[in-house]
Amino acid sequence: MDERITVEICMGTTCYVMGGAQLAGIADRLPEEWKDRIAVKGMRCSGACQQGDRVGRAPFVRVGGKLIAEADEGKVLAAIREALAH
C-alpha cells in the first residue's frame, strides 16, 4: 500500500474562526476510495498567518506538506487529488 497523504488543518484561533472548524470534518466527506489513503489531523497554529500577504490568508491547510492559503473544501480536495496522482 502507498504511504498515506497527511492533511493537516490549522486549528489556531484565526484559522479556526475563518473556516478551519468546518474543514475539520472533511475526513467524513472524502470519497470512499480515498479514505484509506488520507490521514486528516488538526495541527497547532502553523504560523503562516504571521508571514503576512507573502503566503496568503487564513485558514491554512497542508496537504502532503504543501501549504494552502484561504483553504476551503474545494481547494483541499483538489490538492488531495493532485497528491494522489503523483
Protein backbone atom coordinates (compact mmCIF):
# COMPACT_ATOMS: atom_id res chain seq x y z
CA MET A 1 0.00 0.00 0.00
CA ASP A 2 1.19 3.50 -0.78
CA GLU A 3 2.10 5.89 2.01
CA ARG A 4 -0.83 7.88 3.37
CA ILE A 5 -1.15 11.54 2.44
CA THR A 6 -1.41 13.74 5.50
CA VAL A 7 -3.91 16.62 5.53
CA GLU A 8 -3.14 19.00 8.40
CA ILE A 9 -5.78 21.58 9.26
CA CYS A 10 -4.58 24.58 11.24
CA MET A 11 -6.60 24.93 14.43
CA GLY A 12 -5.03 28.19 15.57
CA THR A 13 -7.62 30.78 16.58
CA THR A 14 -7.61 32.76 13.33
CA CYS A 15 -7.74 29.69 11.09
CA TYR A 16 -10.38 28.05 13.27
CA VAL A 17 -12.64 31.10 13.09
CA MET A 18 -12.01 31.70 9.37
CA GLY A 19 -13.07 28.20 8.31
CA GLY A 20 -10.78 25.63 9.88
CA ALA A 21 -13.60 24.46 12.14
CA GLN A 22 -15.70 23.49 9.10
CA LEU A 23 -12.72 21.82 7.41
CA ALA A 24 -12.08 19.65 10.47
CA GLY A 25 -14.84 17.26 9.37
CA ILE A 26 -13.52 16.81 5.84
CA ALA A 27 -12.41 13.23 6.56
CA ASP A 28 -16.08 12.22 6.75
CA ARG A 29 -16.75 13.77 3.34
CA LEU A 30 -13.87 12.22 1.41
CA PRO A 31 -14.73 9.88 -1.44
CA GLU A 32 -14.79 6.29 -0.16
CA GLU A 33 -11.87 5.26 -2.40
CA TRP A 34 -9.63 7.91 -0.80
CA LYS A 35 -10.34 7.21 2.85
CA ASP A 36 -7.67 4.55 3.36
CA ARG A 37 -5.02 6.74 1.67
CA ILE A 38 -5.62 10.01 3.54
CA ALA A 39 -4.85 10.91 7.17
CA VAL A 40 -6.62 14.07 8.35
CA LYS A 41 -5.49 15.74 11.55
CA GLY A 42 -5.54 19.09 13.25
CA MET A 43 -2.36 20.99 13.94
CA ARG A 44 -1.48 23.81 16.26
CA CYS A 45 -1.09 27.23 14.74
CA SER A 46 1.00 26.85 11.60
CA GLY A 47 2.36 30.39 11.99
CA ALA A 48 1.68 31.04 8.30
CA CYS A 49 -0.67 33.92 9.10
CA GLN A 50 2.22 35.74 10.77
CA GLN A 51 4.04 35.91 7.43
CA GLY A 52 1.56 38.46 6.10
CA ASP A 53 0.49 38.51 2.48
CA ARG A 54 3.55 36.53 1.37
CA VAL A 55 1.71 33.25 1.86
CA GLY A 56 -1.93 34.33 1.82
CA ARG A 57 -4.68 34.40 4.40
CA ALA A 58 -6.32 32.02 6.83
CA PRO A 59 -7.45 29.33 7.03
CA PHE A 60 -4.34 27.32 6.24
CA VAL A 61 -4.15 23.61 5.46
CA ARG A 62 -1.17 21.46 4.50
CA VAL A 63 -1.73 18.58 2.10
CA GLY A 64 1.31 16.34 1.85
CA GLY A 65 3.41 19.24 3.16
CA LYS A 66 2.10 21.75 0.60
CA LEU A 67 0.60 24.85 2.23
CA ILE A 68 -2.82 26.01 1.03
CA ALA A 69 -3.94 29.53 1.93
CA GLU A 70 -7.59 30.60 2.11
CA ALA A 71 -8.37 26.90 2.21
CA ASP A 72 -11.84 25.68 1.52
CA GLU A 73 -13.13 22.20 0.85
CA GLY A 74 -12.74 22.56 -2.92
CA LYS A 75 -9.09 23.64 -2.69
CA VAL A 76 -8.27 20.89 -0.21
CA LEU A 77 -9.93 18.19 -2.33
CA ALA A 78 -8.11 19.45 -5.44
CA ALA A 79 -4.77 19.30 -3.58
CA ILE A 80 -5.54 15.77 -2.37
CA ARG A 81 -6.47 14.72 -5.92
CA GLU A 82 -3.16 16.14 -7.19
CA ALA A 83 -1.16 14.42 -4.42
CA LEU A 84 -2.84 11.09 -5.15
CA ALA A 85 -1.93 11.41 -8.84
CA HIS A 86 1.79 11.58 -8.04
